PDB file of N, CA and C in Angstrom:
ATOM      1  N   MET A   1       0.479  -1.590   0.232  1.00  0.00           N
ATOM      2  CA  MET A   1       0.239   0.257   0.106  1.00  0.00           C
ATOM      3  C   MET A   1       1.136   1.389   0.061  1.00  0.00           C
ATOM      4  N   TYR A   2       0.380   2.168  -0.883  1.00  0.00           N
ATOM      5  CA  TYR A   2       1.065   3.429  -0.970  1.00  0.00           C
ATOM      6  C   TYR A   2      -0.024   4.710   0.227  1.00  0.00           C
ATOM      7  N   ALA A   3       0.936   5.322   0.716  1.00  0.00           N
ATOM      8  CA  ALA A   3       0.425   6.242   1.682  1.00  0.00           C
ATOM      9  C   ALA A   3       0.551   7.775   1.599  1.00  0.00           C
ATOM     10  N   HIS A   4       0.337   8.403   1.990  1.00  0.00           N
ATOM     11  CA  HIS A   4       1.005  10.228   2.472  1.00  0.00           C
ATOM     12  C   HIS A   4       0.778  10.100   3.853  1.00  0.00           C
ATOM     13  N   LEU A   5       1.681  10.688   4.394  1.00  0.00           N
ATOM     14  CA  LEU A   5       1.711  11.189   6.106  1.00  0.00           C
ATOM     15  C   LEU A   5       1.647  12.806   5.769  1.00  0.00           C
ATOM     16  N   ARG A   6       0.807  12.809   6.203  1.00  0.00           N
ATOM     17  CA  ARG A   6       1.125  14.382   5.901  1.00  0.00           C
ATOM     18  C   ARG A   6       0.535  15.101   7.231  1.00  0.00           C
ATOM     19  N   ILE A   7       1.644  16.248   7.475  1.00  0.00           N
ATOM     20  CA  ILE A   7       1.854  17.061   8.441  1.00  0.00           C
ATOM     21  C   ILE A   7       1.030  18.596   8.595  1.00  0.00           C
ATOM     22  N   TYR A   8      -0.091  19.347   8.719  1.00  0.00           N
ATOM     23  CA  TYR A   8      -0.030  20.285   8.295  1.00  0.00           C
ATOM     24  C   TYR A   8      -0.001  21.171   9.480  1.00  0.00           C
ATOM     25  N   THR A   9       0.431  22.309   9.371  1.00  0.00           N
ATOM     26  CA  THR A   9       0.362  23.991  10.673  1.00  0.00           C
ATOM     27  C   THR A   9      -1.347  23.869  10.270  1.00  0.00           C
ATOM     28  N   VAL A  10      -1.452  24.223  11.364  1.00  0.00           N
ATOM     29  CA  VAL A  10      -3.054  25.048  10.936  1.00  0.00           C
ATOM     30  C   VAL A  10      -2.992  26.678  11.322  1.00  0.00           C
ATOM     31  N   ASN A  11      -3.386  27.834  10.866  1.00  0.00           N
ATOM     32  CA  ASN A  11      -3.242  28.613  11.102  1.00  0.00           C
ATOM     33  C   ASN A  11      -3.894  29.201  12.851  1.00  0.00           C
ATOM     34  N   LYS A  12      -3.401  29.522  13.728  1.00  0.00           N
ATOM     35  CA  LYS A  12      -4.027  30.003  15.171  1.00  0.00           C
ATOM     36  C   LYS A  12      -5.303  30.502  15.189  1.00  0.00           C
ATOM     37  N   GLY A  13      -5.899  30.154  16.204  1.00  0.00           N
ATOM     38  CA  GLY A  13      -7.446  30.074  16.202  1.00  0.00           C
ATOM     39  C   GLY A  13      -8.154  29.162  15.045  1.00  0.00           C
ATOM     40  N   MET A  14      -7.373  28.541  14.327  1.00  0.00           N
ATOM     41  CA  MET A  14      -8.050  27.967  13.041  1.00  0.00           C
ATOM     42  C   MET A  14      -8.447  26.068  13.211  1.00  0.00           C
ATOM     43  N   MET A  15      -8.308  25.753  14.064  1.00  0.00           N
ATOM     44  CA  MET A  15      -8.041  24.290  14.151  1.00  0.00           C
ATOM     45  C   MET A  15      -9.686  23.999  14.246  1.00  0.00           C
ATOM     46  N   GLU A  16     -10.367  24.369  15.376  1.00  0.00           N
ATOM     47  CA  GLU A  16     -11.685  23.970  15.721  1.00  0.00           C
ATOM     48  C   GLU A  16     -12.633  24.012  13.574  1.00  0.00           C
ATOM     49  N   ASP A  17     -12.269  25.224  13.272  1.00  0.00           N
ATOM     50  CA  ASP A  17     -12.600  25.636  11.917  1.00  0.00           C
ATOM     51  C   ASP A  17     -12.341  24.435  10.768  1.00  0.00           C
ATOM     52  N   TRP A  18     -11.154  23.964  11.085  1.00  0.00           N
ATOM     53  CA  TRP A  18     -10.387  23.315   9.937  1.00  0.00           C
ATOM     54  C   TRP A  18     -10.794  21.577  10.204  1.00  0.00           C
ATOM     55  N   VAL A  19     -11.004  21.295  11.682  1.00  0.00           N
ATOM     56  CA  VAL A  19     -11.233  19.838  11.775  1.00  0.00           C
ATOM     57  C   VAL A  19     -12.851  19.824  11.316  1.00  0.00           C
ATOM     58  N   LYS A  20     -13.973  20.864  11.698  1.00  0.00           N
ATOM     59  CA  LYS A  20     -15.189  20.619  10.771  1.00  0.00           C
ATOM     60  C   LYS A  20     -14.978  20.530   9.349  1.00  0.00           C
ATOM     61  N   LEU A  21     -14.700  21.165   8.931  1.00  0.00           N
ATOM     62  CA  LEU A  21     -13.976  21.523   7.354  1.00  0.00           C
ATOM     63  C   LEU A  21     -13.938  20.228   7.132  1.00  0.00           C
ATOM     64  N   PHE A  22     -12.622  19.372   7.276  1.00  0.00           N
ATOM     65  CA  PHE A  22     -12.273  18.166   7.360  1.00  0.00           C
ATOM     66  C   PHE A  22     -13.093  17.216   7.296  1.00  0.00           C
ATOM     67  N   ASN A  23     -13.915  17.087   8.352  1.00  0.00           N
ATOM     68  CA  ASN A  23     -14.937  16.220   8.653  1.00  0.00           C
ATOM     69  C   ASN A  23     -15.660  15.652   7.325  1.00  0.00           C
ATOM     70  N   GLU A  24     -16.285  17.286   7.699  1.00  0.00           N
ATOM     71  CA  GLU A  24     -17.628  17.388   6.790  1.00  0.00           C
ATOM     72  C   GLU A  24     -17.728  17.758   5.109  1.00  0.00           C
ATOM     73  N   LYS A  25     -16.612  17.901   4.785  1.00  0.00           N
ATOM     74  CA  LYS A  25     -16.365  18.247   3.334  1.00  0.00           C
ATOM     75  C   LYS A  25     -15.296  17.560   2.684  1.00  0.00           C
ATOM     76  N   LEU A  26     -13.958  17.162   3.553  1.00  0.00           N
ATOM     77  CA  LEU A  26     -12.984  16.946   3.135  1.00  0.00           C
ATOM     78  C   LEU A  26     -13.037  15.219   2.942  1.00  0.00           C
ATOM     79  N   ILE A  27     -13.703  14.523   3.755  1.00  0.00           N
ATOM     80  CA  ILE A  27     -13.349  12.945   4.198  1.00  0.00           C
ATOM     81  C   ILE A  27     -14.103  12.583   2.837  1.00  0.00           C
ATOM     82  N   PRO A  28     -16.036  13.263   2.790  1.00  0.00           N
ATOM     83  CA  PRO A  28     -16.878  12.382   1.968  1.00  0.00           C
ATOM     84  C   PRO A  28     -16.041  12.836   0.463  1.00  0.00           C
ATOM     85  N   LEU A  29     -15.306  13.584  -0.096  1.00  0.00           N
ATOM     86  CA  LEU A  29     -14.954  14.011  -1.587  1.00  0.00           C
ATOM     87  C   LEU A  29     -13.594  12.671  -1.921  1.00  0.00           C
ATOM     88  N   LEU A  30     -12.879  13.352  -0.977  1.00  0.00           N
ATOM     89  CA  LEU A  30     -11.845  12.051  -0.508  1.00  0.00           C
ATOM     90  C   LEU A  30     -12.166  10.394  -0.902  1.00  0.00           C
ATOM     91  N   ASP A  31     -13.039  10.139  -0.496  1.00  0.00           N
ATOM     92  CA  ASP A  31     -13.951   8.978  -0.315  1.00  0.00           C
ATOM     93  C   ASP A  31     -14.352   8.446  -1.775  1.00  0.00           C
ATOM     94  N   GLN A  32     -15.121   9.316  -2.071  1.00  0.00           N
ATOM     95  CA  GLN A  32     -15.204   9.724  -3.607  1.00  0.00           C
ATOM     96  C   GLN A  32     -14.384   9.677  -4.546  1.00  0.00           C
ATOM     97  N   SER A  33     -13.206   9.687  -4.623  1.00  0.00           N
ATOM     98  CA  SER A  33     -11.811   9.996  -5.198  1.00  0.00           C
ATOM     99  C   SER A  33     -10.984   9.053  -5.085  1.00  0.00           C
ATOM    100  N   GLY A  34     -11.688   7.620  -4.527  1.00  0.00           N
ATOM    101  CA  GLY A  34     -10.940   6.309  -4.152  1.00  0.00           C
ATOM    102  C   GLY A  34      -9.820   6.691  -3.032  1.00  0.00           C
ATOM    103  N   ILE A  35      -9.526   7.918  -2.512  1.00  0.00           N
ATOM    104  CA  ILE A  35      -8.466   8.339  -1.402  1.00  0.00           C
ATOM    105  C   ILE A  35      -9.200   7.409   0.197  1.00  0.00           C
ATOM    106  N   ASN A  36      -8.387   6.926   0.746  1.00  0.00           N
ATOM    107  CA  ASN A  36      -8.986   6.609   2.184  1.00  0.00           C
ATOM    108  C   ASN A  36      -8.428   7.295   3.548  1.00  0.00           C
ATOM    109  N   VAL A  37      -9.159   8.038   3.944  1.00  0.00           N
ATOM    110  CA  VAL A  37      -8.063   8.705   5.356  1.00  0.00           C
ATOM    111  C   VAL A  37      -7.934   7.163   5.998  1.00  0.00           C
ATOM    112  N   GLU A  38      -6.807   7.280   6.422  1.00  0.00           N
ATOM    113  CA  GLU A  38      -6.626   5.529   7.266  1.00  0.00           C
ATOM    114  C   GLU A  38      -6.662   6.255   9.331  1.00  0.00           C
ATOM    115  N   SER A  39      -6.230   7.610   9.281  1.00  0.00           N
ATOM    116  CA  SER A  39      -6.355   8.155  10.857  1.00  0.00           C
ATOM    117  C   SER A  39      -5.625   9.504  10.572  1.00  0.00           C
ATOM    118  N   THR A  40      -6.194  10.193  12.077  1.00  0.00           N
ATOM    119  CA  THR A  40      -6.045  11.682  12.172  1.00  0.00           C
ATOM    120  C   THR A  40      -5.791  11.523  13.411  1.00  0.00           C
ATOM    121  N   TRP A  41      -4.566  12.714  13.905  1.00  0.00           N
ATOM    122  CA  TRP A  41      -4.298  13.322  15.146  1.00  0.00           C
ATOM    123  C   TRP A  41      -4.202  14.709  14.985  1.00  0.00           C
ATOM    124  N   ILE A  42      -4.302  15.605  16.134  1.00  0.00           N
ATOM    125  CA  ILE A  42      -4.113  16.692  16.620  1.00  0.00           C
ATOM    126  C   ILE A  42      -2.927  16.703  17.439  1.00  0.00           C
ATOM    127  N   ASN A  43      -2.218  17.450  17.621  1.00  0.00           N
ATOM    128  CA  ASN A  43      -0.452  17.600  19.002  1.00  0.00           C
ATOM    129  C   ASN A  43      -0.901  18.278  19.930  1.00  0.00           C
ATOM    130  N   GLU A  44      -0.893  18.144  20.881  1.00  0.00           N
ATOM    131  CA  GLU A  44      -1.225  18.668  22.044  1.00  0.00           C
ATOM    132  C   GLU A  44      -1.422  20.450  21.720  1.00  0.00           C
ATOM    133  N   GLU A  45      -0.106  20.917  21.470  1.00  0.00           N
ATOM    134  CA  GLU A  45      -0.571  22.416  20.960  1.00  0.00           C
ATOM    135  C   GLU A  45      -1.685  22.663  19.987  1.00  0.00           C
ATOM    136  N   LYS A  46      -2.249  21.746  19.523  1.00  0.00           N
ATOM    137  CA  LYS A  46      -3.255  22.308  18.748  1.00  0.00           C
ATOM    138  C   LYS A  46      -2.612  22.952  18.041  1.00  0.00           C
ATOM    139  N   SER A  47      -1.805  23.050  17.005  1.00  0.00           N
ATOM    140  CA  SER A  47      -1.185  23.837  16.165  1.00  0.00           C
ATOM    141  C   SER A  47      -1.252  22.849  14.919  1.00  0.00           C
ATOM    142  N   GLN A  48      -0.894  21.094  15.290  1.00  0.00           N
ATOM    143  CA  GLN A  48      -0.672  20.779  13.773  1.00  0.00           C
ATOM    144  C   GLN A  48      -1.692  19.502  13.696  1.00  0.00           C
ATOM    145  N   PHE A  49      -2.317  19.290  12.652  1.00  0.00           N
ATOM    146  CA  PHE A  49      -3.086  18.216  12.118  1.00  0.00           C
ATOM    147  C   PHE A  49      -1.916  17.089  11.534  1.00  0.00           C
ATOM    148  N   ILE A  50      -2.241  15.623  12.073  1.00  0.00           N
ATOM    149  CA  ILE A  50      -1.332  14.587  11.474  1.00  0.00           C
ATOM    150  C   ILE A  50      -1.960  13.797  10.874  1.00  0.00           C
ATOM    151  N   TRP A  51      -2.225  13.327   9.639  1.00  0.00           N
ATOM    152  CA  TRP A  51      -3.048  12.188   9.490  1.00  0.00           C
ATOM    153  C   TRP A  51      -2.644  11.460   7.741  1.00  0.00           C
ATOM    154  N   ILE A  52      -2.893  10.604   7.579  1.00  0.00           N
ATOM    155  CA  ILE A  52      -2.508   9.603   6.873  1.00  0.00           C
ATOM    156  C   ILE A  52      -3.742   9.618   5.955  1.00  0.00           C
ATOM    157  N   ARG A  53      -3.191   9.169   4.672  1.00  0.00           N
ATOM    158  CA  ARG A  53      -4.748   9.076   3.597  1.00  0.00           C
ATOM    159  C   ARG A  53      -3.305   8.089   2.478  1.00  0.00           C
ATOM    160  N   SER A  54      -4.489   6.960   1.939  1.00  0.00           N
ATOM    161  CA  SER A  54      -3.697   5.957   1.401  1.00  0.00           C
ATOM    162  C   SER A  54      -4.338   5.883  -0.145  1.00  0.00           C
ATOM    163  N   TYR A  55      -3.984   5.253  -0.992  1.00  0.00           N
ATOM    164  CA  TYR A  55      -4.082   5.214  -2.277  1.00  0.00           C
ATOM    165  C   TYR A  55      -4.398   3.992  -2.745  1.00  0.00           C
ATOM    166  N   GLY A  56      -3.387   3.150  -2.296  1.00  0.00           N
ATOM    167  CA  GLY A  56      -3.488   2.116  -3.314  1.00  0.00           C
ATOM    168  C   GLY A  56      -1.915   1.004  -3.424  1.00  0.00           C
ATOM    169  N   ASN A  57      -1.753   0.133  -4.014  1.00  0.00           N
ATOM    170  CA  ASN A  57      -0.835  -0.725  -4.208  1.00  0.00           C
ATOM    171  C   ASN A  57       0.028  -0.355  -5.524  1.00  0.00           C
ATOM    172  N   SER A  58       0.400   0.781  -5.691  1.00  0.00           N
ATOM    173  CA  SER A  58       1.462   1.220  -6.389  1.00  0.00           C
ATOM    174  C   SER A  58       1.154   3.017  -6.564  1.00  0.00           C
ATOM    175  N   LEU A  59       2.353   3.445  -7.278  1.00  0.00           N
ATOM    176  CA  LEU A  59       2.618   4.925  -7.398  1.00  0.00           C
ATOM    177  C   LEU A  59       1.561   5.620  -7.948  1.00  0.00           C
ATOM    178  N   ASP A  60       1.206   4.803  -9.044  1.00  0.00           N
ATOM    179  CA  ASP A  60       0.365   5.272  -9.852  1.00  0.00           C
ATOM    180  C   ASP A  60      -1.070   5.909  -9.205  1.00  0.00           C
ATOM    181  N   ASP A  61      -1.214   4.875  -8.262  1.00  0.00           N
ATOM    182  CA  ASP A  61      -2.549   5.354  -7.844  1.00  0.00           C
ATOM    183  C   ASP A  61      -2.389   6.688  -6.950  1.00  0.00           C
ATOM    184  N   ILE A  62      -1.609   6.872  -6.477  1.00  0.00           N
ATOM    185  CA  ILE A  62      -1.371   8.146  -6.556  1.00  0.00           C
ATOM    186  C   ILE A  62      -1.851   9.586  -7.158  1.00  0.00           C
ATOM    187  N   GLU A  63      -0.689   9.462  -8.430  1.00  0.00           N
ATOM    188  CA  GLU A  63      -1.197  10.244  -9.443  1.00  0.00           C
ATOM    189  C   GLU A  63      -2.638  10.294  -9.860  1.00  0.00           C
ATOM    190  N   LYS A  64      -3.479   8.745  -9.882  1.00  0.00           N
ATOM    191  CA  LYS A  64      -4.801   8.854 -10.484  1.00  0.00           C
ATOM    192  C   LYS A  64      -5.765   9.329  -9.659  1.00  0.00           C
ATOM    193  N   LYS A  65      -5.658   8.835  -8.408  1.00  0.00           N
ATOM    194  CA  LYS A  65      -6.466   9.278  -7.528  1.00  0.00           C
ATOM    195  C   LYS A  65      -6.664  10.899  -6.890  1.00  0.00           C
ATOM    196  N   GLU A  66      -5.202  11.349  -7.186  1.00  0.00           N
ATOM    197  CA  GLU A  66      -5.202  12.904  -6.704  1.00  0.00           C
ATOM    198  C   GLU A  66      -5.549  13.734  -7.535  1.00  0.00           C
ATOM    199  N   ALA A  67      -5.228  13.349  -9.339  1.00  0.00           N
ATOM    200  CA  ALA A  67      -6.112  13.736 -10.182  1.00  0.00           C
ATOM    201  C   ALA A  67      -7.516  14.003 -10.405  1.00  0.00           C
ATOM    202  N   ILE A  68      -8.185  12.951  -9.752  1.00  0.00           N
ATOM    203  CA  ILE A  68      -9.450  13.263  -9.579  1.00  0.00           C
ATOM    204  C   ILE A  68      -9.950  13.830  -8.410  1.00  0.00           C
ATOM    205  N   PHE A  69      -9.516  13.784  -7.186  1.00  0.00           N
ATOM    206  CA  PHE A  69      -9.903  14.764  -6.627  1.00  0.00           C
ATOM    207  C   PHE A  69      -9.750  16.026  -6.449  1.00  0.00           C
ATOM    208  N   TYR A  70      -8.251  16.610  -7.243  1.00  0.00           N
ATOM    209  CA  TYR A  70      -7.731  17.622  -7.190  1.00  0.00           C
ATOM    210  C   TYR A  70      -9.186  18.782  -8.649  1.00  0.00           C
ATOM    211  N   GLY A  71      -9.143  17.185  -9.548  1.00  0.00           N
ATOM    212  CA  GLY A  71     -10.281  18.071 -10.759  1.00  0.00           C
ATOM    213  C   GLY A  71     -11.612  18.250 -10.375  1.00  0.00           C
ATOM    214  N   THR A  72     -11.936  17.415  -8.870  1.00  0.00           N
ATOM    215  CA  THR A  72     -13.343  18.027  -8.875  1.00  0.00           C
ATOM    216  C   THR A  72     -13.678  19.598  -8.587  1.00  0.00           C
ATOM    217  N   ASP A  73     -15.235  19.513  -9.158  1.00  0.00           N
ATOM    218  CA  ASP A  73     -15.318  21.188  -8.947  1.00  0.00           C
ATOM    219  C   ASP A  73     -15.472  21.783  -7.327  1.00  0.00           C
ATOM    220  N   TRP A  74     -15.868  21.133  -6.503  1.00  0.00           N
ATOM    221  CA  TRP A  74     -15.691  21.494  -4.867  1.00  0.00           C
ATOM    222  C   TRP A  74     -14.270  21.987  -5.005  1.00  0.00           C
ATOM    223  N   TRP A  75     -13.622  21.046  -5.195  1.00  0.00           N
ATOM    224  CA  TRP A  75     -11.775  21.653  -4.752  1.00  0.00           C
ATOM    225  C   TRP A  75     -11.731  22.932  -5.508  1.00  0.00           C
ATOM    226  N   VAL A  76     -11.794  22.745  -6.864  1.00  0.00           N
ATOM    227  CA  VAL A  76     -11.659  23.884  -8.007  1.00  0.00           C
ATOM    228  C   VAL A  76     -12.013  25.415  -7.572  1.00  0.00           C
ATOM    229  N   GLU A  77     -13.349  25.262  -6.721  1.00  0.00           N
ATOM    230  CA  GLU A  77     -14.363  26.623  -6.508  1.00  0.00           C
ATOM    231  C   GLU A  77     -13.661  26.955  -5.106  1.00  0.00           C
ATOM    232  N   ASN A  78     -13.100  25.643  -3.658  1.00  0.00           N
ATOM    233  CA  ASN A  78     -12.208  25.923  -2.580  1.00  0.00           C
ATOM    234  C   ASN A  78     -11.135  26.192  -2.087  1.00  0.00           C
ATOM    235  N   VAL A  79     -10.121  25.996  -3.058  1.00  0.00           N
ATOM    236  CA  VAL A  79      -8.927  25.523  -2.793  1.00  0.00           C
ATOM    237  C   VAL A  79      -8.463  26.534  -2.063  1.00  0.00           C
ATOM    238  N   ASP A  80      -8.381  27.865  -2.659  1.00  0.00           N
ATOM    239  CA  ASP A  80      -8.068  28.703  -1.551  1.00  0.00           C
ATOM    240  C   ASP A  80      -9.132  28.974  -0.239  1.00  0.00           C
ATOM    241  N   MET A  81      -9.787  28.834  -0.308  1.00  0.00           N
ATOM    242  CA  MET A  81     -10.381  28.781   1.380  1.00  0.00           C
ATOM    243  C   MET A  81      -9.698  27.817   2.268  1.00  0.00           C
ATOM    244  N   VAL A  82      -9.888  26.349   1.107  1.00  0.00           N
ATOM    245  CA  VAL A  82      -9.148  25.067   2.378  1.00  0.00           C
ATOM    246  C   VAL A  82      -7.824  26.099   2.887  1.00  0.00           C
ATOM    247  N   ARG A  83      -7.208  26.024   1.913  1.00  0.00           N
ATOM    248  CA  ARG A  83      -5.565  26.025   2.124  1.00  0.00           C
ATOM    249  C   ARG A  83      -5.507  27.379   2.917  1.00  0.00           C
ATOM    250  N   GLY A  84      -6.243  27.938   2.992  1.00  0.00           N
ATOM    251  CA  GLY A  84      -6.544  29.762   3.925  1.00  0.00           C
ATOM    252  C   GLY A  84      -6.399  29.320   5.371  1.00  0.00           C
ATOM    253  N   HIS A  85      -6.652  28.122   5.871  1.00  0.00           N
ATOM    254  CA  HIS A  85      -6.240  27.490   7.163  1.00  0.00           C
ATOM    255  C   HIS A  85      -4.956  26.721   7.235  1.00  0.00           C
ATOM    256  N   LEU A  86      -4.105  26.626   6.805  1.00  0.00           N
ATOM    257  CA  LEU A  86      -2.775  26.029   6.908  1.00  0.00           C
ATOM    258  C   LEU A  86      -1.579  27.143   6.674  1.00  0.00           C
ATOM    259  N   ALA A  87      -0.757  26.840   7.291  1.00  0.00           N
ATOM    260  CA  ALA A  87      -0.043  27.978   7.400  1.00  0.00           C
ATOM    261  C   ALA A  87       1.228  26.969   6.272  1.00  0.00           C
ATOM    262  N   HIS A  88       1.547  25.430   7.026  1.00  0.00           N
ATOM    263  CA  HIS A  88       2.578  24.852   5.888  1.00  0.00           C
ATOM    264  C   HIS A  88       1.879  23.489   6.251  1.00  0.00           C
ATOM    265  N   ARG A  89       2.575  23.204   5.089  1.00  0.00           N
ATOM    266  CA  ARG A  89       1.923  21.599   4.622  1.00  0.00           C
ATOM    267  C   ARG A  89       3.337  20.183   4.421  1.00  0.00           C
ATOM    268  N   GLU A  90       3.584  19.597   5.423  1.00  0.00           N
ATOM    269  CA  GLU A  90       4.860  18.793   5.089  1.00  0.00           C
ATOM    270  C   GLU A  90       3.637  17.318   4.560  1.00  0.00           C
ATOM    271  N   ILE A  91       4.508  16.754   2.865  1.00  0.00           N
ATOM    272  CA  ILE A  91       3.903  15.150   2.761  1.00  0.00           C
ATOM    273  C   ILE A  91       4.933  14.558   2.696  1.00  0.00           C
ATOM    274  N   ILE A  92       4.891  13.477   3.117  1.00  0.00           N
ATOM    275  CA  ILE A  92       5.683  12.299   2.866  1.00  0.00           C
ATOM    276  C   ILE A  92       4.863  11.093   2.398  1.00  0.00           C
ATOM    277  N   THR A  93       5.814  10.495   1.369  1.00  0.00           N
ATOM    278  CA  THR A  93       5.208   9.209   0.599  1.00  0.00           C
ATOM    279  C   THR A  93       5.665   8.526   1.733  1.00  0.00           C
ATOM    280  N   ILE A  94       4.730   7.523   2.020  1.00  0.00           N
ATOM    281  CA  ILE A  94       5.209   6.267   2.774  1.00  0.00           C
ATOM    282  C   ILE A  94       4.677   5.119   1.907  1.00  0.00           C
ATOM    283  N   THR A  95       5.660   3.698   2.452  1.00  0.00           N
ATOM    284  CA  THR A  95       4.937   2.508   1.738  1.00  0.00           C
ATOM    285  C   THR A  95       5.063   1.164   2.632  1.00  0.00           C
ATOM    286  N   ASN A  96       4.255   0.669   2.568  1.00  0.00           N
ATOM    287  CA  ASN A  96       4.344  -0.915   3.171  1.00  0.00           C
ATOM    288  C   ASN A  96       5.526  -2.185   2.796  1.00  0.00           C
ATOM    289  N   LYS A  97       5.726  -1.702   1.816  1.00  0.00           N
ATOM    290  CA  LYS A  97       5.909  -2.531   0.960  1.00  0.00           C
ATOM    291  C   LYS A  97       7.845  -2.585   0.778  1.00  0.00           C
ATOM    292  N   ILE A  98       8.335  -3.403   2.139  1.00  0.00           N
ATOM    293  CA  ILE A  98       9.739  -3.137   2.557  1.00  0.00           C
ATOM    294  C   ILE A  98       9.914  -5.031   2.347  1.00  0.00           C
ATOM    295  N   GLU A  99      11.251  -5.135   1.581  1.00  0.00           N
ATOM    296  CA  GLU A  99      12.080  -6.256   1.119  1.00  0.00           C
ATOM    297  C   GLU A  99      12.442  -7.064   2.592  1.00  0.00           C
ATOM    298  N   GLY A 100      12.055  -8.078   2.608  1.00  0.00           N
ATOM    299  CA  GLY A 100      12.029  -8.958   3.803  1.00  0.00           C
ATOM    300  C   GLY A 100      11.100  -8.905   4.576  1.00  0.00           C
ATOM    301  N   LYS A 101      11.342  -9.206   5.902  1.00  0.00           N
ATOM    302  CA  LYS A 101      10.491  -9.301   7.225  1.00  0.00           C
ATOM    303  C   LYS A 101      11.198  -8.777   8.390  1.00  0.00           C
ATOM    304  N   ASN A 102      10.601  -7.995   9.177  1.00  0.00           N
ATOM    305  CA  ASN A 102      11.188  -6.914  10.635  1.00  0.00           C
ATOM    306  C   ASN A 102      10.243  -7.768  11.550  1.00  0.00           C
ATOM    307  N   ARG A 103      10.831  -7.178  12.724  1.00  0.00           N
ATOM    308  CA  ARG A 103       9.731  -7.531  14.073  1.00  0.00           C
ATOM    309  C   ARG A 103       8.213  -7.602  14.080  1.00  0.00           C
ATOM    310  N   PHE A 104       8.191  -6.410  12.969  1.00  0.00           N
ATOM    311  CA  PHE A 104       6.741  -5.967  12.704  1.00  0.00           C
ATOM    312  C   PHE A 104       6.210  -6.540  11.768  1.00  0.00           C
ATOM    313  N   ASN A 105       6.857  -7.772  10.822  1.00  0.00           N
ATOM    314  CA  ASN A 105       6.149  -8.286   9.840  1.00  0.00           C
ATOM    315  C   ASN A 105       5.742  -7.512   8.649  1.00  0.00           C
ATOM    316  N   ILE A 106       6.187  -6.513   8.847  1.00  0.00           N
ATOM    317  CA  ILE A 106       5.458  -5.867   7.540  1.00  0.00           C
ATOM    318  C   ILE A 106       6.041  -5.750   6.265  1.00  0.00           C
ATOM    319  N   ILE A 107       5.202  -6.545   5.285  1.00  0.00           N
ATOM    320  CA  ILE A 107       6.321  -7.070   3.941  1.00  0.00           C
ATOM    321  C   ILE A 107       5.600  -6.106   2.771  1.00  0.00           C
TER     322      ILE A 107
END
């Protein structure tokens, strides 16, 4: 499986609005695009929103599913509003496809 570990620094005072937007608008749109939200966290300071979204079994799945998501009418019309909540975004591509086995049995 290929996924993104995403760490968003949310603008001060906007975390509550961000979480509402994420739950009410972004999760349904991601689901429709074939992108799965695996888990979400907020740091103790309530300044960072950390989450993992997964795409499928190939890097091509990331490109295809993100094209669907970022091409939706809702996203195109609201991208500035959505990103206006965020001071910084860090996106790390991760996979569970590791050669051999380790103590966690990740293959």
